[in-house]
Protein backbone atom coordinates (compact mmCIF):
# COMPACT_ATOMS: atom_id res chain seq x y z
CA MET A 1 7.80 19.73 -5.60
CA GLU A 2 5.15 19.37 -8.50
CA THR A 3 2.31 20.26 -6.04
CA ALA A 4 4.44 23.46 -4.91
CA ALA A 5 4.68 24.52 -8.43
CA ILE A 6 1.10 24.17 -9.32
CA ARG A 7 -0.05 26.36 -6.41
CA GLU A 8 2.86 28.81 -6.87
CA ASN A 9 1.81 29.25 -10.59
CA GLY A 10 -1.75 29.16 -9.88
CA CYS A 11 -2.11 31.80 -7.29
CA SER A 12 0.51 34.41 -7.83
CA THR A 13 0.77 34.89 -11.55
CA GLY A 14 -2.85 35.28 -12.59
CA GLU A 15 -2.36 32.99 -15.44
CA GLU A 16 -5.30 31.43 -16.94
CA ILE A 17 -5.54 27.58 -15.92
CA LEU A 18 -7.88 24.97 -17.33
CA TYR A 19 -8.94 22.67 -14.30
CA VAL A 20 -9.68 19.17 -15.26
CA ALA A 21 -11.19 16.42 -12.87
CA MET A 22 -11.67 12.82 -13.89
CA GLU A 23 -13.82 10.21 -12.65
CA LEU A 24 -12.63 6.94 -13.63
CA SER A 25 -14.31 3.57 -14.26
CA ARG A 26 -13.77 0.45 -15.96
CA GLY A 27 -15.98 1.35 -19.11
CA LYS A 28 -16.44 5.02 -19.22
CA TRP A 29 -14.16 8.35 -17.75
CA LYS A 30 -16.46 11.37 -16.80
CA LEU A 31 -14.49 14.46 -17.21
CA GLY A 32 -15.05 17.87 -15.80
CA LEU A 33 -13.32 20.96 -17.35
CA THR A 34 -13.79 24.47 -16.15
CA VAL A 35 -11.74 27.87 -16.01
CA GLY A 36 -13.21 28.61 -12.34
CA GLY A 37 -14.48 31.91 -11.32
CA GLY A 38 -17.90 30.99 -11.46
CA GLN A 39 -17.68 29.46 -14.90
CA LYS A 40 -20.18 26.47 -15.25
CA ALA A 41 -18.23 23.21 -15.96
CA ARG A 42 -18.21 21.37 -19.15
CA GLU A 43 -18.64 17.70 -18.57
CA VAL A 44 -17.83 15.30 -21.08
CA THR A 45 -17.96 11.36 -21.18
CA ILE A 46 -15.41 9.33 -22.97
CA GLU A 47 -14.53 5.55 -23.42
CA ALA A 48 -11.79 4.28 -20.55
CA GLY A 49 -8.21 4.45 -21.94
CA HIS A 50 -9.11 6.67 -25.10
CA LEU A 51 -6.34 8.80 -24.78
CA ASP A 52 -6.94 10.58 -28.34
CA ARG A 53 -10.38 11.68 -26.86
CA LEU A 54 -9.13 13.08 -23.76
CA GLU A 55 -6.52 15.16 -25.47
CA LYS A 56 -9.45 16.13 -28.20
CA ALA A 57 -11.76 17.12 -24.90
CA ILE A 58 -8.92 19.21 -23.50
CA GLU A 59 -8.37 21.00 -26.67
CA ASP A 60 -12.27 21.69 -27.33
CA ALA A 61 -12.41 22.90 -23.58
CA LYS A 62 -9.66 25.60 -24.52
CA ARG A 63 -11.43 26.59 -27.23
CA ARG A 64 -14.92 26.77 -25.32
CA PHE A 65 -13.43 29.01 -22.78
CA GLY A 66 -11.37 31.26 -25.06
CA LEU A 67 -7.82 29.94 -23.85
CA GLY A 68 -4.92 29.68 -25.85
CA ALA A 69 -3.64 26.59 -27.13
CA SER A 70 -0.82 26.84 -24.83
CA ALA A 71 -2.67 27.55 -21.71
CA ARG A 72 -1.83 25.61 -18.49
CA VAL A 73 -3.86 22.45 -17.77
CA VAL A 74 -3.99 21.35 -14.14
CA SER A 75 -5.78 18.05 -13.40
CA CYS A 76 -6.78 15.49 -10.61
CA TYR A 77 -8.21 11.93 -10.38
CA GLU A 78 -8.56 9.69 -7.56
CA ALA A 79 -6.16 6.69 -6.70
CA GLY A 80 -7.65 3.44 -7.49
CA ARG A 81 -7.64 0.46 -9.98
CA ASP A 82 -6.09 2.19 -12.68
CA GLY A 83 -2.82 3.02 -10.96
CA PHE A 84 -0.36 5.59 -11.97
CA TRP A 85 0.01 5.06 -15.84
CA LEU A 86 -2.34 7.83 -16.24
CA ASP A 87 -0.52 10.64 -14.18
CA ARG A 88 2.89 9.67 -15.83
CA TYR A 89 0.83 9.98 -19.28
CA LEU A 90 -0.56 13.34 -18.43
CA ARG A 91 2.87 14.72 -17.02
CA SER A 92 4.59 13.88 -20.31
CA ARG A 93 1.97 15.76 -21.86
CA GLY A 94 2.52 18.98 -20.03
CA VAL A 95 -0.21 18.48 -17.62
CA ALA A 96 0.06 19.26 -14.28
CA ASN A 97 -1.52 16.21 -12.43
CA VAL A 98 -2.07 15.28 -8.90
CA VAL A 99 -3.50 11.90 -7.66
CA VAL A 100 -5.75 12.07 -4.71
CA ASP A 101 -6.52 9.51 -1.90
CA SER A 102 -10.17 9.26 -2.03
CA SER A 103 -10.60 8.69 1.55
CA SER A 104 -9.35 12.11 2.43
CA ILE A 105 -11.98 13.95 0.31
CA GLU A 106 -14.13 16.16 2.42
CA VAL A 107 -17.81 15.26 2.12
CA ASN A 108 -21.07 16.95 3.37
CA ARG A 109 -22.44 14.92 6.48
CA ARG A 110 -25.54 16.89 6.76
CA ALA A 111 -27.67 14.50 5.39
CA ARG A 112 -28.01 11.20 3.33
CA ARG A 113 -25.57 11.80 0.68
CA ALA A 114 -26.58 11.66 -3.21
CA LYS A 115 -23.59 10.09 -5.02
CA SER A 116 -22.83 9.66 -9.02
CA ASP A 117 -20.09 10.55 -11.39
CA GLY A 118 -21.42 13.53 -12.37
CA LEU A 119 -21.82 14.91 -8.78
CA ASP A 120 -18.45 13.40 -7.93
CA VAL A 121 -16.52 14.86 -10.87
CA ARG A 122 -18.12 18.41 -10.18
CA SER A 123 -16.91 18.17 -6.22
CA LEU A 124 -13.33 17.18 -7.55
CA LEU A 125 -13.22 20.28 -9.59
CA VAL A 126 -14.24 22.48 -6.93
CA LEU A 127 -11.51 21.00 -4.43
CA LEU A 128 -8.97 21.03 -7.21
CA ILE A 129 -9.51 24.90 -7.72
CA ARG A 130 -8.97 25.32 -3.89
CA PHE A 131 -6.18 23.04 -3.70
CA THR A 132 -4.33 25.08 -6.70
CA ARG A 133 -4.91 28.40 -4.84
CA GLY A 134 -3.12 27.26 -1.70
CA ASP A 135 -5.77 25.13 0.39
CA ASP A 136 -3.66 22.14 1.06
CA LYS A 137 -6.30 20.61 3.75
CA VAL A 138 -8.95 19.77 1.25
CA TRP A 139 -7.42 16.11 0.31
CA SER A 140 -4.15 14.29 0.65
CA VAL A 141 -2.05 13.71 -2.45
CA VAL A 142 -0.40 10.59 -3.03
CA ARG A 143 3.21 10.56 -3.70
CA VAL A 144 3.57 8.69 -7.21
CA PRO A 145 6.34 6.27 -7.62
CA THR A 146 8.68 5.74 -10.41
CA VAL A 147 8.28 3.03 -12.85
CA GLU A 148 11.55 1.38 -11.40
CA GLU A 149 10.22 2.05 -7.82
CA GLU A 150 6.87 0.43 -8.58
CA ASP A 151 8.29 -2.39 -10.16
CA GLY A 152 10.60 -3.04 -7.30
CA ARG A 153 7.36 -3.76 -4.95
CA GLN A 154 6.02 -6.86 -7.30
CA LEU A 155 8.52 -9.43 -5.76
CA HIS A 156 7.42 -9.30 -2.11
CA ARG A 157 3.78 -8.76 -3.33
CA THR A 158 4.08 -11.90 -5.35
CA ILE A 159 5.52 -13.75 -2.54
CA GLU A 160 2.74 -12.56 -0.11
CA ALA A 161 0.19 -13.61 -2.84
CA MET A 162 1.61 -17.04 -2.87
CA LYS A 163 1.73 -17.48 0.72
CA ALA A 164 -1.98 -16.74 0.84
CA ASP A 165 -2.52 -19.22 -1.79
CA ARG A 166 -0.49 -21.62 0.09
CA VAL A 167 -2.50 -21.56 3.02
CA ARG A 168 -5.87 -21.65 1.09
CA HIS A 169 -4.69 -25.05 -0.57
CA THR A 170 -3.62 -26.40 2.68
CA ASN A 171 -6.85 -25.35 4.57
CA ARG A 172 -8.86 -26.77 1.68
CA ILE A 173 -7.37 -30.43 1.89
CA LYS A 174 -7.70 -30.56 5.40
CA ALA A 175 -11.36 -29.35 5.28
CA LEU A 176 -12.18 -31.90 2.62
CA CYS A 177 -10.80 -34.79 4.78
CA VAL A 178 -12.74 -33.48 7.85
CA THR A 179 -16.14 -33.61 5.71
CA GLN A 180 -15.46 -37.57 5.73
CA GLY A 181 -14.30 -37.85 9.65
CA VAL A 182 -10.74 -38.35 8.63
CA LYS A 183 -7.48 -36.45 9.25
CA ALA A 184 -5.69 -35.26 6.20
CA PRO A 185 -2.32 -37.00 5.30
CA ARG A 186 0.99 -35.28 6.14
CA LEU A 187 1.43 -32.48 3.32
CA THR A 188 4.99 -33.50 2.37
CA GLY A 189 6.78 -35.01 -0.51
CA GLU A 190 5.88 -35.26 -4.27
CA LEU A 191 2.43 -36.13 -5.50
CA ALA A 192 3.23 -39.61 -5.89
CA VAL A 193 4.06 -40.02 -2.36
CA PHE A 194 0.74 -38.08 -1.35
CA ARG A 195 -1.21 -40.43 -3.59
CA ALA A 196 -0.04 -43.33 -1.59
CA LYS A 197 -0.86 -41.77 1.41
CA LEU A 198 -4.59 -41.10 0.24
CA GLU A 199 -4.94 -44.71 -0.45
CA GLN A 200 -4.15 -45.72 3.03
CA VAL A 201 -6.72 -43.42 4.53
CA ARG A 202 -9.83 -45.39 5.86
CA LEU A 203 -13.27 -43.74 6.64
CA TRP A 204 -15.31 -44.93 9.55
CA ASP A 205 -16.68 -48.03 7.97
CA GLY A 206 -13.36 -49.11 6.78
CA SER A 207 -13.70 -48.15 3.04
CA ALA A 208 -11.30 -46.37 1.05
CA LEU A 209 -11.98 -42.54 0.14
CA PRO A 210 -14.55 -41.93 -2.85
CA GLN A 211 -12.85 -41.46 -6.10
CA GLY A 212 -14.20 -38.15 -6.84
CA LEU A 213 -12.94 -36.87 -3.78
CA GLY A 214 -9.44 -38.59 -3.97
CA LYS A 215 -9.01 -37.06 -7.30
CA ARG A 216 -10.10 -33.60 -6.13
CA LEU A 217 -7.58 -33.84 -3.15
CA GLU A 218 -4.91 -34.72 -5.82
CA TYR A 219 -5.49 -31.60 -7.78
CA GLU A 220 -5.35 -29.61 -4.71
CA TYR A 221 -2.01 -30.87 -3.62
CA GLU A 222 -0.62 -30.63 -7.26
CA ARG A 223 -1.42 -26.85 -7.04
CA LEU A 224 0.03 -26.68 -3.70
CA GLU A 225 3.29 -28.23 -4.97
CA MET A 226 3.37 -25.55 -7.52
CA VAL A 227 3.00 -22.77 -5.20
CA GLU A 228 5.69 -24.21 -2.87
CA ARG A 229 7.97 -24.70 -5.62
CA GLN A 230 7.39 -20.85 -7.02
CA LEU A 231 7.74 -19.58 -3.65
CA GLN A 232 11.20 -21.49 -3.23
CA GLU A 233 12.41 -19.83 -6.53
CA LEU A 234 11.08 -16.22 -5.58
CA THR A 235 12.73 -16.55 -1.94
CA LYS A 236 16.08 -17.45 -3.86
CA LYS A 237 15.88 -14.71 -6.30
CA ARG A 238 15.18 -12.33 -3.49
CA ARG A 239 18.28 -13.56 -1.37
CA GLU A 240 20.32 -13.20 -4.68
CA MET A 241 19.33 -9.67 -5.15
CA ILE A 242 20.03 -8.76 -1.43
CA ARG A 243 23.56 -10.32 -1.67
CA THR A 244 24.44 -8.38 -5.14
CA VAL A 245 24.29 -4.85 -6.19
CA ALA A 246 21.62 -4.01 -8.60
CA ALA A 247 22.65 -2.53 -11.74
CA ASP A 248 19.06 -1.20 -12.94
CA GLY A 249 19.37 2.23 -11.47
CA GLU A 250 20.22 4.36 -8.78
CA ALA A 251 16.68 3.88 -7.04
CA CYS A 252 17.38 0.01 -7.13
CA GLU A 253 20.99 0.48 -5.77
CA ARG A 254 19.70 2.94 -2.91
CA GLN A 255 16.94 -0.06 -1.96
CA ASN A 256 19.44 -2.71 -1.80
CA ARG A 257 22.02 -0.65 0.29
CA GLN A 258 19.06 -0.14 2.66
CA VAL A 259 17.89 -3.56 2.89
CA ARG A 260 21.42 -4.93 3.86
CA LYS A 261 21.76 -2.16 6.39
CA LEU A 262 18.44 -3.30 8.22
CA ILE A 263 19.41 -6.91 7.99
CA GLN A 264 22.46 -6.12 10.29
CA LEU A 265 20.12 -5.35 13.11
CA ARG A 266 19.28 -8.51 15.35
CA GLY A 267 15.65 -9.37 15.07
CA ILE A 268 15.10 -8.25 11.47
CA GLY A 269 15.44 -10.55 8.80
CA GLU A 270 15.31 -10.76 4.96
CA SER A 271 11.64 -10.67 4.38
CA SER A 272 10.72 -7.87 7.02
CA SER A 273 13.78 -5.63 5.74
CA TRP A 274 12.87 -6.10 2.06
CA LEU A 275 9.22 -5.13 2.72
CA TYR A 276 10.27 -2.19 5.07
CA VAL A 277 12.37 -0.87 2.11
CA THR A 278 10.41 -1.44 -1.01
CA GLU A 279 7.00 -0.37 0.43
CA PHE A 280 8.01 2.30 2.78
CA PHE A 281 11.63 3.66 3.24
CA GLY A 282 12.96 3.12 -0.11
CA TRP A 283 11.16 5.79 -2.08
CA ARG A 284 9.92 8.13 0.52
CA ASP A 285 11.67 11.44 1.69
CA PHE A 286 10.03 11.68 5.25
CA LYS A 287 10.80 15.11 6.89
CA ASN A 288 10.06 13.96 10.57
CA GLY A 289 8.90 10.98 12.65
CA ARG A 290 5.24 12.19 12.66
CA GLN A 291 5.16 11.44 9.02
CA VAL A 292 6.72 8.01 9.64
CA GLY A 293 4.00 7.14 11.90
CA SER A 294 1.15 8.56 9.86
CA LEU A 295 2.02 6.76 6.65
CA ALA A 296 2.00 3.44 8.70
CA GLY A 297 -1.21 4.27 10.13
CA LEU A 298 -0.12 3.91 13.72
CA THR A 299 -0.81 7.29 14.91
CA PRO A 300 -3.57 7.70 17.70
CA THR A 301 -6.64 9.24 16.73
CA PRO A 302 -8.26 10.80 19.79
CA TYR A 303 -11.86 11.90 20.21
CA GLN A 304 -12.61 15.14 22.23
CA SER A 305 -16.21 16.96 22.24
CA GLY A 306 -16.99 19.17 25.40
CA ASP A 307 -16.55 16.57 28.38
CA SER A 308 -16.38 13.67 26.19
CA ARG A 309 -12.78 12.37 25.79
CA ARG A 310 -11.63 9.07 24.38
CA GLU A 311 -9.30 6.98 22.60
CA GLN A 312 -10.21 5.61 19.05
CA GLY A 313 -7.12 3.45 18.38
CA VAL A 314 -4.67 4.03 15.58
CA SER A 315 -5.56 5.52 12.51
CA LYS A 316 -4.93 2.31 10.21
CA ALA A 317 -4.75 5.01 7.32
CA GLY A 318 -1.42 3.93 6.18
CA ASN A 319 0.21 1.10 4.27
CA ARG A 320 -1.60 -2.32 5.66
CA LEU A 321 1.53 -4.59 5.07
CA VAL A 322 3.98 -2.27 6.84
CA ARG A 323 1.60 -1.70 9.65
CA HIS A 324 1.41 -5.78 10.10
CA MET A 325 5.02 -6.34 9.76
CA ALA A 326 5.82 -3.42 11.97
CA VAL A 327 3.84 -4.82 14.74
CA GLU A 328 5.21 -8.34 14.17
CA ILE A 329 8.88 -7.16 14.37
CA ALA A 330 8.20 -5.01 17.35
CA TRP A 331 7.36 -8.45 19.36
CA GLY A 332 10.60 -9.88 17.88
CA TRP A 333 12.41 -6.74 19.12
CA LEU A 334 11.68 -7.41 22.61
CA LYS A 335 13.09 -10.98 22.16
CA PHE A 336 16.14 -10.16 20.16
CA GLN A 337 17.03 -6.47 21.63
CA PRO A 338 16.15 -6.89 25.18
CA GLY A 339 18.99 -4.47 26.21
CA SER A 340 17.92 -1.44 23.86
CA GLU A 341 16.22 1.48 25.11
CA LEU A 342 12.90 0.90 23.29
CA SER A 343 12.57 -2.52 24.96
CA LEU A 344 13.38 -1.01 28.18
CA TRP A 345 10.68 1.55 27.79
CA TYR A 346 8.06 -0.94 27.04
CA TRP A 347 8.56 -3.13 30.01
CA ARG A 348 8.75 -0.02 32.20
CA ARG A 349 5.59 1.52 30.54
CA PHE A 350 3.46 -1.90 29.93
CA GLY A 351 5.27 -4.98 31.56
CA HIS A 352 3.09 -4.74 34.40
CA GLY A 353 -0.10 -4.53 32.81
CA GLY A 354 -2.41 -7.46 31.43
CA ALA A 355 -2.43 -8.89 28.24
CA ARG A 356 -4.73 -6.14 26.90
CA GLN A 357 -2.28 -3.32 28.07
CA ARG A 358 0.78 -5.24 26.40
CA ARG A 359 -1.06 -5.63 22.94
CA ILE A 360 -1.71 -1.79 23.22
CA GLY A 361 1.82 -1.15 24.05
CA ILE A 362 3.30 -3.19 21.30
CA VAL A 363 1.42 -0.88 18.66
CA ALA A 364 3.24 1.95 20.42
CA LEU A 365 6.23 0.15 20.48
CA ALA A 366 5.89 -0.62 16.79
CA ARG A 367 5.49 3.25 15.68
CA LYS A 368 8.81 4.29 17.95
CA LEU A 369 10.67 1.41 16.37
CA LEU A 370 9.92 2.57 12.47
CA VAL A 371 10.92 6.14 13.37
CA ALA A 372 14.09 4.69 14.87
CA LEU A 373 14.72 2.64 11.67
CA TRP A 374 14.14 5.76 9.50
CA ARG A 375 16.63 7.63 11.27
CA TYR A 376 19.03 4.66 11.29
CA LEU A 377 18.56 4.22 7.43
CA ASP A 378 18.59 7.91 6.38
CA PHE A 379 20.88 9.52 9.34
CA ASP A 380 22.98 6.37 10.33
CA VAL A 381 21.86 6.91 13.99
CA LEU A 382 21.64 3.32 15.55
CA PRO A 383 18.53 2.75 17.97
CA ALA A 384 19.95 3.26 21.34
CA GLY A 385 21.39 0.24 22.91
CA ALA A 386 20.46 -1.92 19.81
CA MET A 387 23.26 -4.75 18.94
CA LEU A 388 24.18 -5.59 15.31
CA LYS A 389 24.49 -9.16 14.22
CA ALA A 390 28.00 -10.75 14.11
């Protein structure tokens, strides 16, 4: 809706607009400001995060270009490490801002491309003017979540990060033992139990583990214990949130209802349903199934040029967590929903092929299943032949 308003006001009323493009980095922000119409851009460099200097640069540009104090300001910056807080700040100041997917920006492929902050900000300015005047193919605009929607993604992302930490500590303990030609003891029990197991380990010549190595293994196991304890606490918290209705706002209530609705389907558990909703379905308004598959990065990318035709695989341009989970759930769907139409379609289409053909087919099934789950959540259409849990 905000994007449509930017285009309508920019191209139909003839109102003078100040265009602002921002190239953000850790230490400096490069600003490009212009009014379009062949006017040379004004470039300003400010320290990162200095909002008062940002406002002053906009005010100076309005005076420089002869605009009134109430002139509209349209801005853009690329999505990245700075997140969405700047977009919320700009909108609170009346600036019509768009956050741009940097990988969707068109570039010149004719020769080796020069790159600098100045060149980037001037390119963003040109594209911002074209976008404001109705050319929606110049880039892809990122849908900015609310503070509550963004905060709702932190729980499962913390769990995923801790799972990676658990794997890293476990592999390090096993690798350190392998360097001495011994097998790591079972990683169960408290630290005192693990220490006793280490004392019983003997090297090839019958000697005990070196003292320094033993201490390092204890430290690694202690960190592994902490990660396991925190994982249990977070998993328990997530389970409690699923079973109770959140009182933190309408968005959270909607997400919890969707999570509980997905869990009712066989083959979908707490972890996958929570990730699907908080990362994908809970705060986006899809118009059709193509948008669902595209956002997950599961759409095909054909290559056709003259007589040359080939398939390059899926785009992988969407949410990585959702894409990985969709493929995993698709394998589980075949096991727990064997009578559904999607499972029957898979076996008819790919069941007689080899292992590679079945792996290709599971990606197609994952895309179809995502679309079916979207219809189930938004339109209450149960996937054909699917069964609910008792």
